């Protein structure tokens, strides 16, 4: 079972975190939130931010 990872914050360091999350075997990087905007790989799967957070195994938050 893959770890479902999400990322909050895509500034300079967030882009590195996103790259690393995509490269880790066993991690499925499914979504990233930027300010109030949410970028989702499968938009029909997540309709609300709370649903998104509850569906993740791992959340990385950056400023």
Protein backbone atom coordinates (compact mmCIF):
# COMPACT_ATOMS: atom_id res chain seq x y z
CA UNK A 1 0.00 0.00 0.00
CA UNK A 2 1.44 3.35 -1.07
CA UNK A 3 1.74 6.33 1.23
CA UNK A 4 -0.57 9.07 -0.10
CA UNK A 5 1.35 12.34 0.23
CA UNK A 6 0.23 15.93 -0.10
CA UNK A 7 2.18 19.17 0.04
CA UNK A 8 1.04 22.53 1.39
CA UNK A 9 3.20 25.38 0.11
CA UNK A 10 5.08 25.34 -3.19
CA UNK A 11 7.64 28.07 -2.73
CA UNK A 12 11.32 27.51 -3.48
CA UNK A 13 11.68 24.64 -0.98
CA UNK A 14 8.23 23.24 -1.74
CA UNK A 15 9.28 22.51 -5.31
CA UNK A 16 12.18 20.42 -3.97
CA UNK A 17 9.86 18.58 -1.57
CA UNK A 18 7.47 17.84 -4.45
CA UNK A 19 10.31 16.47 -6.59
CA UNK A 20 11.57 14.27 -3.77
CA UNK A 21 8.08 12.99 -2.92
CA UNK A 22 7.57 12.00 -6.59
CA UNK A 23 10.89 10.11 -6.60
CA UNK A 24 10.35 8.04 -3.43
CA UNK A 25 9.26 4.49 -4.11
CA UNK A 26 6.04 3.64 -2.29
CA UNK A 27 4.88 7.27 -2.12
CA UNK A 28 1.97 8.46 -4.27
CA UNK A 29 2.21 12.28 -4.45
CA UNK A 30 -1.44 13.13 -5.07
CA UNK A 31 -1.96 16.85 -4.40
CA UNK A 32 -0.40 20.20 -3.62
CA UNK A 33 -2.04 23.31 -2.16
CA UNK A 34 -0.78 26.81 -2.91
CA UNK A 35 -2.29 29.54 -0.72
CA UNK A 36 -6.04 28.99 -1.16
CA UNK A 37 -5.71 27.19 -4.49
CA UNK A 38 -5.54 23.41 -4.66
CA UNK A 39 -3.81 21.59 -7.51
CA UNK A 40 -4.98 18.00 -7.69
CA UNK A 41 -3.91 15.22 -10.02
CA UNK A 42 -7.37 13.62 -9.91
CA UNK A 43 -9.81 16.52 -9.43
CA UNK A 44 -12.96 14.39 -9.22
CA UNK A 45 -11.51 12.45 -6.28
CA UNK A 46 -11.31 15.48 -3.93
CA UNK A 47 -14.04 18.10 -3.74
CA UNK A 48 -13.11 19.84 -0.49
CA UNK A 49 -9.80 20.59 1.20
CA UNK A 50 -10.86 18.78 4.38
CA UNK A 51 -11.66 15.65 2.38
CA UNK A 52 -8.25 15.95 0.76
CA UNK A 53 -6.44 16.19 4.10
CA UNK A 54 -8.38 13.26 5.54
CA UNK A 55 -7.45 11.10 2.57
CA UNK A 56 -3.68 11.58 2.92
CA UNK A 57 -1.26 9.46 4.88
CA UNK A 58 1.41 12.20 4.90
CA UNK A 59 1.22 15.99 4.66
CA UNK A 60 4.28 18.19 4.27
CA UNK A 61 3.70 21.86 5.17
CA UNK A 62 6.09 24.65 4.16
CA UNK A 63 5.99 28.43 4.43
